[in-house]
Amino acid sequence: MLQDIGRRYVRIVNEVQVRTGTLWEGRFKSNLIDSETYLPTCHRYIELNPVRAGMALAPAEYPWTSHSYYAHGRPNKLISEHPVYLNLSATPEDRRDRFLSLFKKPFEERELTILRTAINRGWALGSDAFLDHMEAVSGRSVRPARRGRPPKEKRDSAEDENPQTEMLL
């Protein structure tokens, strides 16, 4: 039923907006992030997406972001301020200034690559302590696996700990 509704909705939107194609690309994605260190970076990345895509000259010009709220104080009942944003300063004016200062520095290509890779592969973003904690809580790896075989000393110790390893090799 939902698939049928989605198909009909896309047809109507495409007809009204004189366009073709899908409205949504791929599946929903979400990533764990260490709010203290990566939330401002992720926020900046999201707010600048319309600018990078050529849909707006500045983040505040794009109506579907929260930039106008955070940077210019325009009211928006849909927004709940995150504690990291609130901790930027004690006063709303100073918070807005500090938020705006995040956008003065352009993204380095390395930062974009790290963010995009983490997003596309479902990896968490954060310090090693944060990643260790998330792995302990979730019981699964949240970071990229190391490529190749483990170093020889680790393989030998792993074989001693697990008698089934011999059957697998």
N, C-alpha and C. Protein backbone atom coordinates (compact mmCIF):
# COMPACT_ATOMS: atom_id res chain seq x y z
N MET A 1 0.81 -1.17 0.00
CA MET A 1 0.00 0.00 0.00
C MET A 1 0.87 1.26 0.00
N LEU A 2 1.88 1.30 0.88
CA LEU A 2 2.75 2.47 0.95
C LEU A 2 3.54 2.66 -0.34
N GLN A 3 3.96 1.56 -0.93
CA GLN A 3 4.67 1.65 -2.21
C GLN A 3 3.77 2.27 -3.27
N ASP A 4 2.51 1.87 -3.31
CA ASP A 4 1.56 2.41 -4.27
C ASP A 4 1.33 3.91 -4.03
N ILE A 5 1.19 4.28 -2.76
CA ILE A 5 1.02 5.71 -2.43
C ILE A 5 2.24 6.49 -2.88
N GLY A 6 3.43 5.94 -2.61
CA GLY A 6 4.66 6.61 -3.02
C GLY A 6 4.74 6.80 -4.52
N ARG A 7 4.38 5.79 -5.27
CA ARG A 7 4.41 5.89 -6.74
C ARG A 7 3.44 6.96 -7.24
N ARG A 8 2.25 6.96 -6.68
CA ARG A 8 1.26 7.97 -7.10
C ARG A 8 1.72 9.38 -6.73
N TYR A 9 2.26 9.53 -5.54
CA TYR A 9 2.75 10.83 -5.09
C TYR A 9 3.85 11.35 -6.01
N VAL A 10 4.80 10.49 -6.36
CA VAL A 10 5.90 10.89 -7.25
C VAL A 10 5.35 11.33 -8.60
N ARG A 11 4.37 10.59 -9.14
CA ARG A 11 3.78 10.97 -10.42
C ARG A 11 3.15 12.37 -10.35
N ILE A 12 2.43 12.64 -9.29
CA ILE A 12 1.77 13.94 -9.12
C ILE A 12 2.81 15.05 -8.99
N VAL A 13 3.80 14.85 -8.15
CA VAL A 13 4.84 15.87 -7.97
C VAL A 13 5.57 16.12 -9.27
N ASN A 14 5.92 15.05 -9.98
CA ASN A 14 6.62 15.22 -11.25
C ASN A 14 5.77 15.98 -12.27
N GLU A 15 4.50 15.68 -12.27
CA GLU A 15 3.61 16.36 -13.21
C GLU A 15 3.47 17.85 -12.87
N VAL A 16 3.26 18.15 -11.60
CA VAL A 16 3.08 19.54 -11.16
C VAL A 16 4.37 20.35 -11.37
N GLN A 17 5.51 19.74 -11.08
CA GLN A 17 6.78 20.46 -11.16
C GLN A 17 7.48 20.27 -12.51
N VAL A 18 6.81 19.61 -13.44
CA VAL A 18 7.35 19.36 -14.79
C VAL A 18 8.77 18.80 -14.67
N ARG A 19 8.86 17.65 -14.05
CA ARG A 19 10.14 16.98 -13.87
C ARG A 19 9.96 15.49 -14.05
N THR A 20 11.04 14.74 -14.03
CA THR A 20 10.99 13.29 -14.13
C THR A 20 11.89 12.68 -13.07
N GLY A 21 11.75 11.40 -12.86
CA GLY A 21 12.63 10.69 -11.94
C GLY A 21 12.05 10.50 -10.56
N THR A 22 12.88 9.94 -9.70
CA THR A 22 12.45 9.66 -8.34
C THR A 22 12.60 10.90 -7.48
N LEU A 23 11.90 10.92 -6.36
CA LEU A 23 12.04 12.02 -5.41
C LEU A 23 13.10 11.69 -4.38
N TRP A 24 13.25 10.43 -4.06
CA TRP A 24 14.19 10.01 -3.04
C TRP A 24 15.22 9.09 -3.66
N GLU A 25 16.47 9.36 -3.36
CA GLU A 25 17.54 8.51 -3.86
C GLU A 25 18.02 7.59 -2.75
N GLY A 26 17.96 6.32 -2.98
CA GLY A 26 18.48 5.36 -2.02
C GLY A 26 17.67 5.28 -0.74
N ARG A 27 18.21 4.53 0.18
CA ARG A 27 17.54 4.31 1.44
C ARG A 27 17.95 5.35 2.46
N PHE A 28 17.17 5.44 3.53
CA PHE A 28 17.49 6.34 4.63
C PHE A 28 18.81 5.91 5.26
N LYS A 29 19.64 6.86 5.60
CA LYS A 29 20.92 6.56 6.24
C LYS A 29 21.04 7.40 7.51
N SER A 30 21.65 6.80 8.51
CA SER A 30 21.95 7.55 9.72
C SER A 30 23.29 7.05 10.25
N ASN A 31 23.98 7.92 10.95
CA ASN A 31 25.28 7.57 11.50
C ASN A 31 25.38 8.04 12.94
N LEU A 32 26.13 7.27 13.72
CA LEU A 32 26.45 7.71 15.08
C LEU A 32 27.51 8.80 14.97
N ILE A 33 27.33 9.88 15.72
CA ILE A 33 28.36 10.91 15.76
C ILE A 33 28.61 11.32 17.20
N ASP A 34 29.84 11.64 17.47
CA ASP A 34 30.23 12.18 18.77
C ASP A 34 29.83 13.65 18.73
N SER A 35 28.72 13.97 19.39
CA SER A 35 28.16 15.32 19.31
C SER A 35 29.15 16.40 19.70
N GLU A 36 29.94 16.15 20.71
CA GLU A 36 30.87 17.18 21.19
C GLU A 36 31.89 17.58 20.14
N THR A 37 32.35 16.62 19.35
CA THR A 37 33.40 16.95 18.39
C THR A 37 32.92 17.05 16.95
N TYR A 38 31.90 16.29 16.57
CA TYR A 38 31.51 16.24 15.16
C TYR A 38 30.17 16.90 14.84
N LEU A 39 29.33 17.22 15.82
CA LEU A 39 28.04 17.81 15.50
C LEU A 39 28.17 19.14 14.74
N PRO A 40 29.03 20.08 15.19
CA PRO A 40 29.17 21.32 14.42
C PRO A 40 29.65 21.07 12.98
N THR A 41 30.55 20.12 12.81
CA THR A 41 31.06 19.80 11.47
C THR A 41 29.95 19.22 10.60
N CYS A 42 29.17 18.30 11.16
CA CYS A 42 28.07 17.69 10.40
C CYS A 42 26.99 18.73 10.09
N HIS A 43 26.73 19.59 11.05
CA HIS A 43 25.73 20.64 10.85
C HIS A 43 26.17 21.55 9.69
N ARG A 44 27.42 21.93 9.72
CA ARG A 44 27.97 22.79 8.65
C ARG A 44 27.90 22.08 7.30
N TYR A 45 28.23 20.80 7.29
CA TYR A 45 28.19 20.01 6.05
C TYR A 45 26.77 19.99 5.46
N ILE A 46 25.79 19.73 6.32
CA ILE A 46 24.39 19.66 5.86
C ILE A 46 23.90 21.01 5.37
N GLU A 47 24.20 22.06 6.14
CA GLU A 47 23.74 23.40 5.78
C GLU A 47 24.38 23.89 4.48
N LEU A 48 25.58 23.41 4.17
CA LEU A 48 26.27 23.84 2.95
C LEU A 48 25.97 22.96 1.74
N ASN A 49 25.25 21.86 1.92
CA ASN A 49 24.91 21.01 0.78
C ASN A 49 24.19 21.77 -0.34
N PRO A 50 23.18 22.59 -0.05
CA PRO A 50 22.51 23.32 -1.14
C PRO A 50 23.46 24.30 -1.86
N VAL A 51 24.43 24.83 -1.14
CA VAL A 51 25.40 25.74 -1.76
C VAL A 51 26.31 24.95 -2.69
N ARG A 52 26.83 23.80 -2.20
CA ARG A 52 27.69 22.96 -3.04
C ARG A 52 26.95 22.45 -4.27
N ALA A 53 25.64 22.22 -4.14
CA ALA A 53 24.83 21.70 -5.25
C ALA A 53 24.39 22.82 -6.21
N GLY A 54 24.72 24.07 -5.88
CA GLY A 54 24.34 25.19 -6.74
C GLY A 54 22.88 25.58 -6.62
N MET A 55 22.23 25.17 -5.55
CA MET A 55 20.82 25.49 -5.34
C MET A 55 20.64 26.82 -4.61
N ALA A 56 21.71 27.33 -4.02
CA ALA A 56 21.68 28.60 -3.30
C ALA A 56 23.10 29.15 -3.27
N LEU A 57 23.20 30.47 -3.17
CA LEU A 57 24.51 31.10 -3.07
C LEU A 57 25.04 31.09 -1.64
N ALA A 58 24.12 31.04 -0.67
CA ALA A 58 24.48 31.01 0.75
C ALA A 58 23.49 30.11 1.48
N PRO A 59 23.91 29.50 2.60
CA PRO A 59 23.01 28.58 3.31
C PRO A 59 21.68 29.21 3.72
N ALA A 60 21.69 30.48 4.09
CA ALA A 60 20.45 31.14 4.55
C ALA A 60 19.45 31.33 3.42
N GLU A 61 19.91 31.28 2.17
CA GLU A 61 19.01 31.45 1.03
C GLU A 61 18.18 30.21 0.74
N TYR A 62 18.61 29.08 1.23
CA TYR A 62 17.88 27.83 0.99
C TYR A 62 16.84 27.66 2.09
N PRO A 63 15.56 27.61 1.75
CA PRO A 63 14.50 27.63 2.78
C PRO A 63 14.37 26.35 3.60
N TRP A 64 14.96 25.24 3.16
CA TRP A 64 14.71 23.97 3.83
C TRP A 64 15.84 23.57 4.77
N THR A 65 16.64 24.54 5.22
CA THR A 65 17.65 24.24 6.24
C THR A 65 17.32 25.05 7.48
N SER A 66 18.04 24.76 8.54
CA SER A 66 17.84 25.48 9.80
C SER A 66 18.80 26.66 9.93
N HIS A 67 19.56 26.94 8.89
CA HIS A 67 20.58 27.99 8.95
C HIS A 67 19.99 29.34 9.35
N SER A 68 18.88 29.74 8.78
CA SER A 68 18.28 31.04 9.10
C SER A 68 17.91 31.13 10.57
N TYR A 69 17.51 30.03 11.15
CA TYR A 69 17.17 30.01 12.57
C TYR A 69 18.44 30.18 13.41
N TYR A 70 19.42 29.31 13.18
CA TYR A 70 20.62 29.32 14.01
C TYR A 70 21.50 30.54 13.78
N ALA A 71 21.60 31.00 12.55
CA ALA A 71 22.51 32.10 12.24
C ALA A 71 21.86 33.47 12.37
N HIS A 72 20.56 33.56 12.13
CA HIS A 72 19.91 34.88 12.09
C HIS A 72 18.73 35.01 13.05
N GLY A 73 18.41 33.95 13.78
CA GLY A 73 17.35 34.03 14.78
C GLY A 73 15.94 34.07 14.23
N ARG A 74 15.76 33.65 12.97
CA ARG A 74 14.40 33.62 12.41
C ARG A 74 13.61 32.51 13.08
N PRO A 75 12.40 32.81 13.55
CA PRO A 75 11.61 31.81 14.29
C PRO A 75 11.31 30.56 13.45
N ASN A 76 11.36 29.40 14.10
CA ASN A 76 11.01 28.14 13.46
C ASN A 76 10.60 27.17 14.55
N LYS A 77 9.31 26.86 14.62
CA LYS A 77 8.78 26.00 15.68
C LYS A 77 9.23 24.54 15.53
N LEU A 78 9.77 24.18 14.40
CA LEU A 78 10.19 22.79 14.17
C LEU A 78 11.56 22.48 14.76
N ILE A 79 12.28 23.50 15.18
CA ILE A 79 13.66 23.30 15.62
C ILE A 79 13.75 23.21 17.14
N SER A 80 14.46 22.18 17.60
CA SER A 80 14.82 22.04 19.01
C SER A 80 16.33 22.23 19.10
N GLU A 81 16.75 23.19 19.87
CA GLU A 81 18.19 23.49 19.95
C GLU A 81 18.92 22.38 20.69
N HIS A 82 20.00 21.92 20.09
CA HIS A 82 20.83 20.87 20.67
C HIS A 82 21.70 21.48 21.78
N PRO A 83 21.97 20.72 22.84
CA PRO A 83 22.83 21.24 23.91
C PRO A 83 24.20 21.74 23.41
N VAL A 84 24.75 21.12 22.38
CA VAL A 84 26.04 21.59 21.85
C VAL A 84 25.90 23.00 21.30
N TYR A 85 24.79 23.29 20.63
CA TYR A 85 24.54 24.64 20.15
C TYR A 85 24.35 25.59 21.33
N LEU A 86 23.57 25.19 22.30
CA LEU A 86 23.32 26.04 23.47
C LEU A 86 24.60 26.33 24.24
N ASN A 87 25.55 25.41 24.21
CA ASN A 87 26.82 25.61 24.92
C ASN A 87 27.79 26.52 24.17
N LEU A 88 27.43 26.96 22.97
CA LEU A 88 28.31 27.88 22.26
C LEU A 88 28.46 29.19 23.03
N SER A 89 27.40 29.61 23.71
CA SER A 89 27.44 30.86 24.49
C SER A 89 26.19 30.97 25.36
N ALA A 90 26.25 31.87 26.32
CA ALA A 90 25.13 32.07 27.23
C ALA A 90 24.02 32.92 26.61
N THR A 91 24.37 33.77 25.65
CA THR A 91 23.35 34.65 25.06
C THR A 91 23.02 34.23 23.63
N PRO A 92 21.78 34.39 23.21
CA PRO A 92 21.39 34.01 21.84
C PRO A 92 22.19 34.75 20.77
N GLU A 93 22.46 36.03 20.98
CA GLU A 93 23.21 36.81 19.98
C GLU A 93 24.62 36.26 19.81
N ASP A 94 25.27 35.97 20.92
CA ASP A 94 26.63 35.45 20.86
C ASP A 94 26.64 34.04 20.25
N ARG A 95 25.63 33.22 20.57
CA ARG A 95 25.53 31.88 19.95
C ARG A 95 25.43 31.98 18.44
N ARG A 96 24.58 32.92 17.97
CA ARG A 96 24.42 33.10 16.52
C ARG A 96 25.75 33.52 15.89
N ASP A 97 26.47 34.43 16.53
CA ASP A 97 27.77 34.86 16.00
C ASP A 97 28.75 33.70 15.93
N ARG A 98 28.78 32.90 16.97
CA ARG A 98 29.70 31.75 16.98
C ARG A 98 29.29 30.70 15.95
N PHE A 99 27.99 30.52 15.80
CA PHE A 99 27.50 29.59 14.78
C PHE A 99 27.92 30.07 13.39
N LEU A 100 27.72 31.36 13.13
CA LEU A 100 28.11 31.94 11.83
C LEU A 100 29.61 31.82 11.58
N SER A 101 30.40 31.91 12.63
CA SER A 101 31.85 31.81 12.45
C SER A 101 32.27 30.43 11.95
N LEU A 102 31.44 29.40 12.21
CA LEU A 102 31.74 28.06 11.68
C LEU A 102 31.76 28.05 10.16
N PHE A 103 30.99 28.93 9.55
CA PHE A 103 30.83 28.94 8.10
C PHE A 103 31.85 29.81 7.39
N LYS A 104 32.70 30.49 8.13
CA LYS A 104 33.72 31.33 7.52
C LYS A 104 34.88 30.50 6.99
N LYS A 105 35.08 29.34 7.58
CA LYS A 105 36.18 28.45 7.16
C LYS A 105 35.63 27.44 6.15
N PRO A 106 36.19 27.40 4.94
CA PRO A 106 35.71 26.40 3.97
C PRO A 106 36.14 24.99 4.37
N PHE A 107 35.39 24.02 3.90
CA PHE A 107 35.74 22.63 4.15
C PHE A 107 37.00 22.27 3.39
N GLU A 108 37.87 21.53 4.04
CA GLU A 108 39.02 20.96 3.34
C GLU A 108 38.54 19.69 2.66
N GLU A 109 39.15 19.34 1.55
CA GLU A 109 38.74 18.15 0.81
C GLU A 109 38.85 16.90 1.68
N ARG A 110 39.84 16.85 2.56
CA ARG A 110 40.01 15.69 3.44
C ARG A 110 38.80 15.55 4.38
N GLU A 111 38.31 16.67 4.93
CA GLU A 111 37.13 16.63 5.80
C GLU A 111 35.92 16.10 5.05
N LEU A 112 35.71 16.59 3.83
CA LEU A 112 34.58 16.14 3.03
C LEU A 112 34.68 14.64 2.74
N THR A 113 35.88 14.18 2.43
CA THR A 113 36.08 12.76 2.14
C THR A 113 35.76 11.91 3.36
N ILE A 114 36.22 12.33 4.53
CA ILE A 114 35.95 11.59 5.76
C ILE A 114 34.45 11.52 6.03
N LEU A 115 33.78 12.67 5.94
CA LEU A 115 32.34 12.70 6.19
C LEU A 115 31.58 11.85 5.19
N ARG A 116 31.86 12.02 3.92
CA ARG A 116 31.13 11.27 2.89
C ARG A 116 31.36 9.78 2.99
N THR A 117 32.59 9.39 3.27
CA THR A 117 32.89 7.95 3.40
C THR A 117 32.14 7.37 4.60
N ALA A 118 32.16 8.08 5.72
CA ALA A 118 31.46 7.59 6.91
C ALA A 118 29.96 7.48 6.65
N ILE A 119 29.40 8.48 5.98
CA ILE A 119 27.97 8.47 5.68
C ILE A 119 27.62 7.29 4.78
N ASN A 120 28.37 7.12 3.72
CA ASN A 120 28.05 6.08 2.73
C ASN A 120 28.30 4.68 3.25
N ARG A 121 29.20 4.54 4.20
CA ARG A 121 29.52 3.19 4.69
C ARG A 121 28.94 2.89 6.07
N GLY A 122 28.25 3.86 6.65
CA GLY A 122 27.61 3.62 7.94
C GLY A 122 28.55 3.61 9.12
N TRP A 123 29.71 4.28 9.00
CA TRP A 123 30.67 4.32 10.09
C TRP A 123 30.34 5.46 11.03
N ALA A 124 30.71 5.30 12.27
CA ALA A 124 30.52 6.35 13.27
C ALA A 124 31.64 7.39 13.13
N LEU A 125 31.35 8.60 13.58
CA LEU A 125 32.33 9.68 13.58
C LEU A 125 32.59 10.09 15.01
N GLY A 126 33.84 10.04 15.43
CA GLY A 126 34.16 10.47 16.78
C GLY A 126 35.56 10.05 17.18
N SER A 127 35.89 10.37 18.41
CA SER A 127 37.20 10.03 18.96
C SER A 127 37.29 8.51 19.14
N ASP A 128 38.51 8.02 19.37
CA ASP A 128 38.68 6.58 19.61
C ASP A 128 37.91 6.14 20.86
N ALA A 129 37.90 7.00 21.89
CA ALA A 129 37.16 6.66 23.12
C ALA A 129 35.66 6.54 22.82
N PHE A 130 35.13 7.46 22.01
CA PHE A 130 33.71 7.40 21.63
C PHE A 130 33.43 6.13 20.83
N LEU A 131 34.29 5.82 19.86
CA LEU A 131 34.09 4.62 19.04
C LEU A 131 34.16 3.36 19.89
N ASP A 132 35.13 3.31 20.82
CA ASP A 132 35.24 2.15 21.72
C ASP A 132 33.97 1.98 22.54
N HIS A 133 33.46 3.09 23.07
CA HIS A 133 32.23 3.05 23.88
C HIS A 133 31.03 2.58 23.04
N MET A 134 30.90 3.10 21.83
CA MET A 134 29.77 2.71 20.97
C MET A 134 29.86 1.24 20.59
N GLU A 135 31.07 0.74 20.37
CA GLU A 135 31.23 -0.69 20.06
C GLU A 135 30.86 -1.54 21.26
N ALA A 136 31.24 -1.09 22.45
CA ALA A 136 30.90 -1.83 23.66
C ALA A 136 29.39 -1.85 23.89
N VAL A 137 28.74 -0.73 23.66
CA VAL A 137 27.29 -0.63 23.87
C VAL A 137 26.52 -1.43 22.82
N SER A 138 26.94 -1.31 21.56
CA SER A 138 26.18 -1.95 20.47
C SER A 138 26.56 -3.40 20.23
N GLY A 139 27.75 -3.78 20.66
CA GLY A 139 28.21 -5.15 20.42
C GLY A 139 28.63 -5.40 18.99
N ARG A 140 28.89 -4.32 18.24
CA ARG A 140 29.35 -4.49 16.85
C ARG A 140 30.34 -3.38 16.52
N SER A 141 31.07 -3.58 15.46
CA SER A 141 32.05 -2.59 15.04
C SER A 141 31.35 -1.38 14.43
N VAL A 142 31.82 -0.19 14.75
CA VAL A 142 31.24 1.03 14.21
C VAL A 142 32.28 1.82 13.41
N ARG A 143 33.41 1.19 13.15
CA ARG A 143 34.49 1.86 12.41
C ARG A 143 34.96 0.96 11.28
N PRO A 144 35.76 1.51 10.38
CA PRO A 144 36.22 0.68 9.26
C PRO A 144 37.05 -0.50 9.75
N ALA A 145 36.85 -1.63 9.11
CA ALA A 145 37.66 -2.80 9.43
C ALA A 145 39.05 -2.61 8.86
N ARG A 146 40.03 -3.16 9.53
CA ARG A 146 41.39 -3.09 9.01
C ARG A 146 41.49 -4.01 7.81
N ARG A 147 42.17 -3.53 6.80
CA ARG A 147 42.30 -4.33 5.57
C ARG A 147 43.38 -5.38 5.74
N GLY A 148 43.19 -6.48 5.07
CA GLY A 148 44.19 -7.54 5.07
C GLY A 148 44.11 -8.42 6.30
N ARG A 149 45.07 -9.31 6.39
CA ARG A 149 45.13 -10.24 7.52
C ARG A 149 45.70 -9.52 8.73
N PRO A 150 45.34 -9.97 9.94
CA PRO A 150 45.95 -9.37 11.13
C PRO A 150 47.44 -9.71 11.18
N PRO A 151 48.25 -8.93 11.90
CA PRO A 151 49.68 -9.24 12.02
C PRO A 151 49.87 -10.64 12.58
N LYS A 152 50.99 -11.29 12.23
CA LYS A 152 51.24 -12.68 12.59
C LYS A 152 51.09 -12.95 14.07
N GLU A 153 51.64 -12.11 14.94
CA GLU A 153 51.54 -12.36 16.38
C GLU A 153 50.09 -12.39 16.85
N LYS A 154 49.22 -11.58 16.25
CA LYS A 154 47.81 -11.60 16.63
C LYS A 154 47.14 -12.88 16.12
N ARG A 155 47.52 -13.34 14.93
CA ARG A 155 46.93 -14.57 14.40
C ARG A 155 47.29 -15.74 15.29
N ASP A 156 48.57 -15.80 15.72
CA ASP A 156 49.01 -16.92 16.56
C ASP A 156 48.28 -16.91 17.90
N SER A 157 48.14 -15.73 18.53
CA SER A 157 47.47 -15.68 19.83
C SER A 157 45.99 -15.99 19.68
N ALA A 158 45.39 -15.58 18.57
CA ALA A 158 43.97 -15.86 18.35
C ALA A 158 43.76 -17.35 18.15
N GLU A 159 44.73 -18.02 17.49
CA GLU A 159 44.60 -19.46 17.28
C GLU A 159 44.67 -20.20 18.61
N ASP A 160 45.54 -19.71 19.53
CA ASP A 160 45.66 -20.36 20.82
C ASP A 160 44.38 -20.20 21.63
N GLU A 161 43.72 -19.05 21.50
CA GLU A 161 42.52 -18.78 22.29
C GLU A 161 41.30 -19.54 21.76
N ASN A 162 41.25 -19.82 20.49
CA ASN A 162 40.06 -20.41 19.90
C ASN A 162 40.45 -21.68 19.14
N PRO A 163 40.14 -22.84 19.68
CA PRO A 163 40.51 -24.08 19.01
C PRO A 163 39.81 -24.26 17.66
N GLN A 164 38.71 -23.57 17.43
CA GLN A 164 38.00 -23.71 16.15
C GLN A 164 38.74 -23.00 15.02
N THR A 165 39.66 -22.12 15.35
CA THR A 165 40.40 -21.37 14.34
C THR A 165 41.15 -22.32 13.43
N GLU A 166 41.73 -23.38 13.99
CA GLU A 166 42.50 -24.33 13.20
C GLU A 166 41.65 -24.95 12.09
N MET A 167 40.38 -25.22 12.40
CA MET A 167 39.49 -25.80 11.40
C MET A 167 39.16 -24.80 10.30
N LEU A 168 39.13 -23.49 10.66
CA LEU A 168 38.78 -22.49 9.69
C LEU A 168 39.93 -22.18 8.74
N LEU A 169 41.18 -22.34 9.20
CA LEU A 169 42.34 -22.02 8.36
C LEU A 169 42.62 -23.09 7.40
